[in-house]
Amino acid sequence: MSTTPLLTDIAETVEQIAPPRLQESYDNTGWQVLCDPAARCTGVLTCVDATPDVIEEAHRLGFNLVLSHHPVLFRGQKRFAGETLVQRTVMQAIRSGISVYSCHTAIDSAPGGVSAEMARMIGMTDVRVLAESASDRHTGLGAVGNLSEPLTPGALVELVKRTFATPVARCSRPKHPHEEISRVALCGGSGSEFLPLAAASGAQAYITSDTKHHDFVDFSPELLIIDIGHWEAEACTRTLFSRELTARFPEIQVMESETDRSPVIYM
């Protein structure tokens, strides 16, 4: 009898890491496409965005599961006629027999999730959740903690750019360019709504994405805002799930997608 895990076994393990109950009310985590619940997993390709290119990459590798951060099906679809990227992705996945599972805000809020992974990557210590959930202080969005060693604003920005592989960062003007920063808050993806919490936490800098102009105006006196790309602020999910699934299922191959790239380029 084969000991290779089923697709549903992989999903159950993913849900232990990123429980669906933690997703935001507007979200659509879980199975986006499940071609055959009885199928055994032939390999997992992790990505931020599942696109036709990612589906084709999985097909070339012989993998039948794509694990994405962003849901493919986020807004309602009235038909599948290949008219949009979403439609083409789903249709190609079904034709190729490739299932797609997405985690999104479930892994955003999970202990050890997106923001905790970002904090680990830049060497933060004494990390706690920034926006705690009502039921459990260990779950929620964002993170706040201390740098392993204080850095000037310029050095911190360079560390962030290097760590998250982004060529540029949109930053507020440092109030004191040479004053060292020791406490940092961050939030993977769009986290500008937590700027007040970041300021109240005692953080001197806040790393996130999709910050609006007036947020820079309103919070720059208190915080060094470091705004990186949305994709760059969530790309760590690919590594996070590759690491966790490889540890739990050493008998299957788990790879990070090479065709999954930020839709934004800097010219």
C-alpha atoms as a PDB file:
ATOM      1  CA  MET A   1       0.000   0.000   0.000  1.00  0.00           C
ATOM      2  CA  SER A   2       1.315   3.446  -0.915  1.00  0.00           C
ATOM      3  CA  THR A   3       2.388   5.663   1.952  1.00  0.00           C
ATOM      4  CA  THR A   4       2.323   8.791  -0.218  1.00  0.00           C
ATOM      5  CA  PRO A   5      -0.041  11.306   1.401  1.00  0.00           C
ATOM      6  CA  LEU A   6      -3.342  12.247  -0.171  1.00  0.00           C
ATOM      7  CA  LEU A   7      -3.999  15.799  -1.285  1.00  0.00           C
ATOM      8  CA  THR A   8      -6.424  16.013   1.608  1.00  0.00           C
ATOM      9  CA  ASP A   9      -3.669  14.914   4.027  1.00  0.00           C
ATOM     10  CA  ILE A  10      -1.571  17.864   2.879  1.00  0.00           C
ATOM     11  CA  ALA A  11      -4.548  20.197   3.315  1.00  0.00           C
ATOM     12  CA  GLU A  12      -5.191  18.902   6.838  1.00  0.00           C
ATOM     13  CA  THR A  13      -1.595  19.634   7.772  1.00  0.00           C
ATOM     14  CA  VAL A  14      -1.744  23.102   6.210  1.00  0.00           C
ATOM     15  CA  GLU A  15      -4.869  23.765   8.271  1.00  0.00           C
ATOM     16  CA  GLN A  16      -3.008  22.815  11.444  1.00  0.00           C
ATOM     17  CA  ILE A  17      -0.477  25.522  10.595  1.00  0.00           C
ATOM     18  CA  ALA A  18      -3.040  28.024   9.277  1.00  0.00           C
ATOM     19  CA  PRO A  19      -6.451  27.197  10.804  1.00  0.00           C
ATOM     20  CA  PRO A  20      -9.313  28.369   8.534  1.00  0.00           C
ATOM     21  CA  ARG A  21     -11.127  29.730  11.599  1.00  0.00           C
ATOM     22  CA  LEU A  22      -8.501  32.477  11.731  1.00  0.00           C
ATOM     23  CA  GLN A  23      -9.342  33.879   8.313  1.00  0.00           C
ATOM     24  CA  GLU A  24     -10.940  37.311   8.077  1.00  0.00           C
ATOM     25  CA  SER A  25     -14.672  37.397   7.342  1.00  0.00           C
ATOM     26  CA  TYR A  26     -14.157  38.719   3.814  1.00  0.00           C
ATOM     27  CA  ASP A  27     -11.654  36.037   2.852  1.00  0.00           C
ATOM     28  CA  ASN A  28     -11.807  32.768   0.917  1.00  0.00           C
ATOM     29  CA  THR A  29      -9.103  30.448   2.192  1.00  0.00           C
ATOM     30  CA  GLY A  30      -9.052  26.712   1.561  1.00  0.00           C
ATOM     31  CA  TRP A  31      -9.575  24.688  -1.591  1.00  0.00           C
ATOM     32  CA  GLN A  32      -9.863  26.824  -4.712  1.00  0.00           C
ATOM     33  CA  VAL A  33      -9.717  23.779  -6.984  1.00  0.00           C
ATOM     34  CA  LEU A  34      -9.859  20.166  -5.779  1.00  0.00           C
ATOM     35  CA  CYS A  35      -9.646  17.895  -8.793  1.00  0.00           C
ATOM     36  CA  ASP A  36      -9.782  14.558  -6.967  1.00  0.00           C
ATOM     37  CA  PRO A  37     -10.125  14.209  -3.178  1.00  0.00           C
ATOM     38  CA  ALA A  38      -8.840  10.628  -3.405  1.00  0.00           C
ATOM     39  CA  ALA A  39      -5.667  11.550  -5.320  1.00  0.00           C
ATOM     40  CA  ARG A  40      -2.245  11.099  -3.790  1.00  0.00           C
ATOM     41  CA  CYS A  41       0.052  14.116  -3.795  1.00  0.00           C
ATOM     42  CA  THR A  42       2.782  14.004  -6.434  1.00  0.00           C
ATOM     43  CA  GLY A  43       4.436  17.234  -5.264  1.00  0.00           C
ATOM     44  CA  VAL A  44       3.647  20.707  -3.937  1.00  0.00           C
ATOM     45  CA  LEU A  45       4.526  24.036  -5.558  1.00  0.00           C
ATOM     46  CA  THR A  46       4.272  27.036  -3.224  1.00  0.00           C
ATOM     47  CA  CYS A  47       3.583  30.576  -4.462  1.00  0.00           C
ATOM     48  CA  VAL A  48       2.085  33.934  -3.537  1.00  0.00           C
ATOM     49  CA  ASP A  49      -0.215  34.118  -6.572  1.00  0.00           C
ATOM     50  CA  ALA A  50      -1.451  31.112  -8.521  1.00  0.00           C
ATOM     51  CA  THR A  51      -1.447  32.091 -12.198  1.00  0.00           C
ATOM     52  CA  PRO A  52      -1.503  30.119 -15.469  1.00  0.00           C
ATOM     53  CA  ASP A  53       2.314  30.273 -15.486  1.00  0.00           C
ATOM     54  CA  VAL A  54       2.464  28.719 -12.016  1.00  0.00           C
ATOM     55  CA  ILE A  55      -0.024  26.009 -13.010  1.00  0.00           C
ATOM     56  CA  GLU A  56       2.088  25.236 -16.085  1.00  0.00           C
ATOM     57  CA  GLU A  57       5.208  25.101 -13.924  1.00  0.00           C
ATOM     58  CA  ALA A  58       3.540  22.586 -11.593  1.00  0.00           C
ATOM     59  CA  HIS A  59       2.466  20.532 -14.629  1.00  0.00           C
ATOM     60  CA  ARG A  60       6.030  20.456 -15.990  1.00  0.00           C
ATOM     61  CA  LEU A  61       7.332  19.300 -12.617  1.00  0.00           C
ATOM     62  CA  GLY A  62       4.687  16.589 -12.359  1.00  0.00           C
ATOM     63  CA  PHE A  63       3.176  18.156  -9.229  1.00  0.00           C
ATOM     64  CA  ASN A  64      -0.570  18.030  -8.654  1.00  0.00           C
ATOM     65  CA  LEU A  65      -0.879  20.594  -5.846  1.00  0.00           C
ATOM     66  CA  VAL A  66      -0.274  24.345  -5.846  1.00  0.00           C
ATOM     67  CA  LEU A  67      -0.281  25.993  -2.426  1.00  0.00           C
ATOM     68  CA  SER A  68      -0.792  29.737  -2.808  1.00  0.00           C
ATOM     69  CA  HIS A  69      -0.975  32.578  -0.346  1.00  0.00           C
ATOM     70  CA  HIS A  70      -3.589  34.659  -2.166  1.00  0.00           C
ATOM     71  CA  PRO A  71      -6.876  32.952  -3.050  1.00  0.00           C
ATOM     72  CA  VAL A  72      -7.491  32.492  -6.757  1.00  0.00           C
ATOM     73  CA  LEU A  73     -11.220  32.895  -6.189  1.00  0.00           C
ATOM     74  CA  PHE A  74     -11.570  36.059  -4.146  1.00  0.00           C
ATOM     75  CA  ARG A  75     -14.436  37.780  -5.966  1.00  0.00           C
ATOM     76  CA  GLY A  76     -17.531  36.047  -7.280  1.00  0.00           C
ATOM     77  CA  GLN A  77     -17.329  34.470 -10.736  1.00  0.00           C
ATOM     78  CA  LYS A  78     -20.430  34.115 -12.916  1.00  0.00           C
ATOM     79  CA  ARG A  79     -18.783  32.039 -15.635  1.00  0.00           C
ATOM     80  CA  PHE A  80     -15.546  30.393 -16.694  1.00  0.00           C
ATOM     81  CA  ALA A  81     -14.892  31.287 -20.298  1.00  0.00           C
ATOM     82  CA  GLY A  82     -11.199  32.136 -20.193  1.00  0.00           C
ATOM     83  CA  GLU A  83     -11.896  35.885 -20.233  1.00  0.00           C
ATOM     84  CA  THR A  84      -9.847  36.797 -17.139  1.00  0.00           C
ATOM     85  CA  LEU A  85      -6.652  35.619 -15.462  1.00  0.00           C
ATOM     86  CA  VAL A  86      -8.702  34.071 -12.663  1.00  0.00           C
ATOM     87  CA  GLN A  87     -10.842  32.124 -15.118  1.00  0.00           C
ATOM     88  CA  ARG A  88      -7.836  30.959 -17.125  1.00  0.00           C
ATOM     89  CA  THR A  89      -6.012  29.864 -13.964  1.00  0.00           C
ATOM     90  CA  VAL A  90      -8.914  27.755 -12.731  1.00  0.00           C
ATOM     91  CA  MET A  91      -9.625  26.268 -16.158  1.00  0.00           C
ATOM     92  CA  GLN A  92      -5.979  25.370 -16.712  1.00  0.00           C
ATOM     93  CA  ALA A  93      -5.723  23.813 -13.251  1.00  0.00           C
ATOM     94  CA  ILE A  94      -8.753  21.618 -13.902  1.00  0.00           C
ATOM     95  CA  ARG A  95      -7.537  20.595 -17.371  1.00  0.00           C
ATOM     96  CA  SER A  96      -4.128  19.679 -15.920  1.00  0.00           C
ATOM     97  CA  GLY A  97      -5.525  17.865 -12.886  1.00  0.00           C
ATOM     98  CA  ILE A  98      -3.784  20.278 -10.525  1.00  0.00           C
ATOM     99  CA  SER A  99      -5.503  21.230  -7.282  1.00  0.00           C
ATOM    100  CA  VAL A 100      -5.040  24.644  -5.678  1.00  0.00           C
ATOM    101  CA  TYR A 101      -5.233  25.458  -1.968  1.00  0.00           C
ATOM    102  CA  SER A 102      -4.884  29.009  -0.570  1.00  0.00           C
ATOM    103  CA  CYS A 103      -4.142  30.242   2.961  1.00  0.00           C
ATOM    104  CA  HIS A 104      -4.173  34.084   2.951  1.00  0.00           C
ATOM    105  CA  THR A 105      -5.448  35.643   6.188  1.00  0.00           C
ATOM    106  CA  ALA A 106      -5.473  32.279   7.993  1.00  0.00           C
ATOM    107  CA  ILE A 107      -1.656  32.203   7.860  1.00  0.00           C
ATOM    108  CA  ASP A 108      -1.542  35.989   8.381  1.00  0.00           C
ATOM    109  CA  SER A 109      -3.119  35.509  11.830  1.00  0.00           C
ATOM    110  CA  ALA A 110      -1.666  32.137  12.800  1.00  0.00           C
ATOM    111  CA  PRO A 111       1.080  31.828  15.432  1.00  0.00           C
ATOM    112  CA  GLY A 112       4.337  31.705  13.521  1.00  0.00           C
ATOM    113  CA  GLY A 113       2.585  33.112  10.458  1.00  0.00           C
ATOM    114  CA  VAL A 114       3.532  35.770   7.922  1.00  0.00           C
ATOM    115  CA  SER A 115       4.486  38.619  10.247  1.00  0.00           C
ATOM    116  CA  ALA A 116       6.291  36.306  12.665  1.00  0.00           C
ATOM    117  CA  GLU A 117       8.269  34.909   9.731  1.00  0.00           C
ATOM    118  CA  MET A 118       9.158  38.428   8.579  1.00  0.00           C
ATOM    119  CA  ALA A 119      10.284  39.282  12.113  1.00  0.00           C
ATOM    120  CA  ARG A 120      12.446  36.158  12.220  1.00  0.00           C
ATOM    121  CA  MET A 121      14.017  37.068   8.883  1.00  0.00           C
ATOM    122  CA  ILE A 122      15.268  40.435  10.125  1.00  0.00           C
ATOM    123  CA  GLY A 123      16.422  39.015  13.436  1.00  0.00           C
ATOM    124  CA  MET A 124      13.831  40.479  15.804  1.00  0.00           C
ATOM    125  CA  THR A 125      13.572  39.278  19.403  1.00  0.00           C
ATOM    126  CA  ASP A 126      10.845  39.407  22.077  1.00  0.00           C
ATOM    127  CA  VAL A 127       8.240  39.310  19.316  1.00  0.00           C
ATOM    128  CA  ARG A 128       4.527  39.530  20.079  1.00  0.00           C
ATOM    129  CA  VAL A 129       1.374  39.972  18.003  1.00  0.00           C
ATOM    130  CA  LEU A 130       0.635  43.591  17.113  1.00  0.00           C
ATOM    131  CA  ALA A 131      -3.151  43.377  16.573  1.00  0.00           C
ATOM    132  CA  GLU A 132      -4.232  40.553  18.851  1.00  0.00           C
ATOM    133  CA  SER A 133      -7.426  38.633  18.130  1.00  0.00           C
ATOM    134  CA  ALA A 134     -10.260  38.945  20.627  1.00  0.00           C
ATOM    135  CA  SER A 135     -10.019  35.326  21.742  1.00  0.00           C
ATOM    136  CA  ASP A 136      -6.278  34.623  21.837  1.00  0.00           C
ATOM    137  CA  ARG A 137      -3.364  37.011  22.289  1.00  0.00           C
ATOM    138  CA  HIS A 138      -1.115  34.582  20.400  1.00  0.00           C
ATOM    139  CA  THR A 139      -3.114  34.977  17.193  1.00  0.00           C
ATOM    140  CA  GLY A 140      -3.756  38.105  15.169  1.00  0.00           C
ATOM    141  CA  LEU A 141      -2.165  40.356  12.595  1.00  0.00           C
ATOM    142  CA  GLY A 142       1.239  41.998  12.555  1.00  0.00           C
ATOM    143  CA  ALA A 143       4.146  41.716  14.975  1.00  0.00           C
ATOM    144  CA  VAL A 144       6.218  43.985  17.176  1.00  0.00           C
ATOM    145  CA  GLY A 145       9.566  43.348  18.822  1.00  0.00           C
ATOM    146  CA  ASN A 146      13.147  44.427  19.195  1.00  0.00           C
ATOM    147  CA  LEU A 147      15.998  44.384  16.718  1.00  0.00           C
ATOM    148  CA  SER A 148      18.938  42.209  17.706  1.00  0.00           C
ATOM    149  CA  GLU A 149      21.022  45.377  17.528  1.00  0.00           C
ATOM    150  CA  PRO A 150      19.945  49.027  17.084  1.00  0.00           C
ATOM    151  CA  LEU A 151      20.243  50.455  13.568  1.00  0.00           C
ATOM    152  CA  THR A 152      20.081  53.928  12.069  1.00  0.00           C
ATOM    153  CA  PRO A 153      17.093  54.547   9.777  1.00  0.00           C
ATOM    154  CA  GLY A 154      19.280  54.183   6.704  1.00  0.00           C
ATOM    155  CA  ALA A 155      20.799  50.898   7.906  1.00  0.00           C
ATOM    156  CA  LEU A 156      17.382  49.506   8.796  1.00  0.00           C
ATOM    157  CA  VAL A 157      15.988  50.361   5.371  1.00  0.00           C
ATOM    158  CA  GLU A 158      18.961  48.646   3.704  1.00  0.00           C
ATOM    159  CA  LEU A 159      18.426  45.563   5.884  1.00  0.00           C
ATOM    160  CA  VAL A 160      14.737  45.456   4.928  1.00  0.00           C
ATOM    161  CA  LYS A 161      15.476  45.854   1.210  1.00  0.00           C
ATOM    162  CA  ARG A 162      18.113  43.131   1.296  1.00  0.00           C
ATOM    163  CA  THR A 163      16.041  40.726   3.385  1.00  0.00           C
ATOM    164  CA  PHE A 164      12.858  41.020   1.362  1.00  0.00           C
ATOM    165  CA  ALA A 165      14.581  41.313  -2.029  1.00  0.00           C
ATOM    166  CA  THR A 166      13.047  44.633  -2.988  1.00  0.00           C
ATOM    167  CA  PRO A 167      15.129  47.169  -4.945  1.00  0.00           C
ATOM    168  CA  VAL A 168      13.364  50.171  -3.417  1.00  0.00           C
ATOM    169  CA  ALA A 169      11.243  51.064  -0.399  1.00  0.00           C
ATOM    170  CA  ARG A 170       8.860  53.968   0.055  1.00  0.00           C
ATOM    171  CA  CYS A 171       9.909  55.560   3.328  1.00  0.00           C
ATOM    172  CA  SER A 172       8.829  58.476   5.451  1.00  0.00           C
ATOM    173  CA  ARG A 173      11.441  61.121   6.122  1.00  0.00           C
ATOM    174  CA  PRO A 174      13.316  60.145   9.300  1.00  0.00           C
ATOM    175  CA  LYS A 175      12.785  62.726  12.002  1.00  0.00           C
ATOM    176  CA  HIS A 176      16.261  62.005  13.359  1.00  0.00           C
ATOM    177  CA  PRO A 177      18.365  60.403  10.569  1.00  0.00           C
ATOM    178  CA  HIS A 178      21.187  59.367  12.910  1.00  0.00           C
ATOM    179  CA  GLU A 179      19.138  58.237  15.899  1.00  0.00           C
ATOM    180  CA  GLU A 180      19.243  54.457  16.239  1.00  0.00           C
ATOM    181  CA  ILE A 181      16.089  52.363  16.075  1.00  0.00           C
ATOM    182  CA  SER A 182      15.697  49.382  18.370  1.00  0.00           C
ATOM    183  CA  ARG A 183      11.959  48.598  18.383  1.00  0.00           C
ATOM    184  CA  VAL A 184      10.117  47.709  15.176  1.00  0.00           C
ATOM    185  CA  ALA A 185       6.568  46.754  14.217  1.00  0.00           C
ATOM    186  CA  LEU A 186       5.584  45.138  10.943  1.00  0.00           C
ATOM    187  CA  CYS A 187       2.696  43.560   9.083  1.00  0.00           C
ATOM    188  CA  GLY A 188       2.858  41.415   5.964  1.00  0.00           C
ATOM    189  CA  GLY A 189       0.685  42.579   3.080  1.00  0.00           C
ATOM    190  CA  SER A 190      -1.509  45.664   3.481  1.00  0.00           C
ATOM    191  CA  GLY A 191      -1.068  46.780   7.074  1.00  0.00           C
ATOM    192  CA  SER A 192      -1.511  50.541   7.132  1.00  0.00           C
ATOM    193  CA  GLU A 193      -4.662  50.174   9.247  1.00  0.00           C
ATOM    194  CA  PHE A 194      -2.407  49.155  12.130  1.00  0.00           C
ATOM    195  CA  LEU A 195      -0.271  52.291  12.086  1.00  0.00           C
ATOM    196  CA  PRO A 196      -1.954  53.594  15.273  1.00  0.00           C
ATOM    197  CA  LEU A 197      -1.205  50.314  17.041  1.00  0.00           C
ATOM    198  CA  ALA A 198       2.380  50.399  15.816  1.00  0.00           C
ATOM    199  CA  ALA A 199       2.825  53.903  17.201  1.00  0.00           C
ATOM    200  CA  ALA A 200       1.175  52.945  20.500  1.00  0.00           C
ATOM    201  CA  SER A 201       3.390  49.861  20.847  1.00  0.00           C
ATOM    202  CA  GLY A 202       6.484  51.991  21.240  1.00  0.00           C
ATOM    203  CA  ALA A 203       7.859  50.984  17.841  1.00  0.00           C
ATOM    204  CA  GLN A 204      10.107  53.520  16.163  1.00  0.00           C
ATOM    205  CA  ALA A 205       9.643  51.997  12.709  1.00  0.00           C
ATOM    206  CA  TYR A 206       6.865  50.149  10.916  1.00  0.00           C
ATOM    207  CA  ILE A 207       7.334  47.830   7.925  1.00  0.00           C
ATOM    208  CA  THR A 208       4.359  47.025   5.710  1.00  0.00           C
ATOM    209  CA  SER A 209       2.959  47.677   2.226  1.00  0.00           C
ATOM    210  CA  ASP A 210       0.234  49.638   0.406  1.00  0.00           C
ATOM    211  CA  THR A 211       0.561  52.677   2.667  1.00  0.00           C
ATOM    212  CA  LYS A 212      -1.407  55.707   1.474  1.00  0.00           C
ATOM    213  CA  HIS A 213      -0.074  59.252   1.149  1.00  0.00           C
ATOM    214  CA  HIS A 214      -2.025  60.616   4.095  1.00  0.00           C
ATOM    215  CA  ASP A 215      -0.798  57.805   6.332  1.00  0.00           C
ATOM    216  CA  PHE A 216       2.746  58.961   5.621  1.00  0.00           C
ATOM    217  CA  VAL A 217       1.690  62.526   6.465  1.00  0.00           C
ATOM    218  CA  ASP A 218      -0.138  61.609   9.662  1.00  0.00           C
ATOM    219  CA  PHE A 219       2.323  59.134  11.180  1.00  0.00           C
ATOM    220  CA  SER A 220       5.739  60.263   9.944  1.00  0.00           C
ATOM    221  CA  PRO A 221       6.418  62.368  13.059  1.00  0.00           C
ATOM    222  CA  GLU A 222       6.104  59.229  15.200  1.00  0.00           C
ATOM    223  CA  LEU A 223       7.287  56.384  12.969  1.00  0.00           C
ATOM    224  CA  LEU A 224       9.774  55.632  10.267  1.00  0.00           C
ATOM    225  CA  ILE A 225       7.402  53.975   7.786  1.00  0.00           C
ATOM    226  CA  ILE A 226       9.111  51.489   5.472  1.00  0.00           C
ATOM    227  CA  ASP A 227       6.713  50.487   2.715  1.00  0.00           C
ATOM    228  CA  ILE A 228       7.841  47.546   0.581  1.00  0.00           C
ATOM    229  CA  GLY A 229       5.900  45.856  -2.202  1.00  0.00           C
ATOM    230  CA  HIS A 230       2.838  43.806  -1.286  1.00  0.00           C
ATOM    231  CA  TRP A 231       4.246  40.706  -2.993  1.00  0.00           C
ATOM    232  CA  GLU A 232       7.622  41.187  -1.325  1.00  0.00           C
ATOM    233  CA  ALA A 233       5.934  41.475   2.077  1.00  0.00           C
ATOM    234  CA  GLU A 234       4.287  38.074   1.623  1.00  0.00           C
ATOM    235  CA  ALA A 235       6.791  36.099  -0.445  1.00  0.00           C
ATOM    236  CA  CYS A 236       8.041  34.522   2.774  1.00  0.00           C
ATOM    237  CA  THR A 237       4.909  32.340   2.796  1.00  0.00           C
ATOM    238  CA  ARG A 238       6.443  30.269  -0.003  1.00  0.00           C
ATOM    239  CA  THR A 239       9.461  29.442   2.144  1.00  0.00           C
ATOM    240  CA  LEU A 240       7.403  29.022   5.311  1.00  0.00           C
ATOM    241  CA  PHE A 241       5.169  26.342   3.798  1.00  0.00           C
ATOM    242  CA  SER A 242       8.004  24.667   1.893  1.00  0.00           C
ATOM    243  CA  ARG A 243       9.906  24.318   5.166  1.00  0.00           C
ATOM    244  CA  GLU A 244       6.935  23.074   7.195  1.00  0.00           C
ATOM    245  CA  LEU A 245       5.642  20.588   4.609  1.00  0.00           C
ATOM    246  CA  THR A 246       9.107  19.209   3.855  1.00  0.00           C
ATOM    247  CA  ALA A 247       9.573  18.519   7.562  1.00  0.00           C
ATOM    248  CA  ARG A 248       6.202  16.784   7.845  1.00  0.00           C
ATOM    249  CA  PHE A 249       6.207  14.948   4.501  1.00  0.00           C
ATOM    250  CA  PRO A 250       9.826  14.115   3.579  1.00  0.00           C
ATOM    251  CA  GLU A 251       8.573  11.564   1.041  1.00  0.00           C
ATOM    252  CA  ILE A 252       7.162  14.222  -1.305  1.00  0.00           C
ATOM    253  CA  GLN A 253       8.899  17.054  -3.112  1.00  0.00           C
ATOM    254  CA  VAL A 254       7.964  20.612  -2.111  1.00  0.00           C
ATOM    255  CA  MET A 255       9.342  23.502  -4.144  1.00  0.00           C
ATOM    256  CA  GLU A 256       8.974  27.272  -4.303  1.00  0.00           C
ATOM    257  CA  SER A 257       7.674  28.491  -7.649  1.00  0.00           C
ATOM    258  CA  GLU A 258      10.189  30.138  -9.962  1.00  0.00           C
ATOM    259  CA  THR A 259       7.514  31.695 -12.193  1.00  0.00           C
ATOM    260  CA  ASP A 260       5.656  33.340  -9.309  1.00  0.00           C
ATOM    261  CA  ARG A 261       6.913  36.913  -9.369  1.00  0.00           C
ATOM    262  CA  SER A 262       5.692  40.303  -8.245  1.00  0.00           C
ATOM    263  CA  PRO A 263       3.309  41.838 -10.791  1.00  0.00           C
ATOM    264  CA  VAL A 264       5.009  45.191 -10.079  1.00  0.00           C
ATOM    265  CA  ILE A 265       8.378  46.166 -11.518  1.00  0.00           C
ATOM    266  CA  TYR A 266      10.474  49.256 -10.807  1.00  0.00           C
ATOM    267  CA  MET A 267      11.622  51.230 -13.860  1.00  0.00           C
END
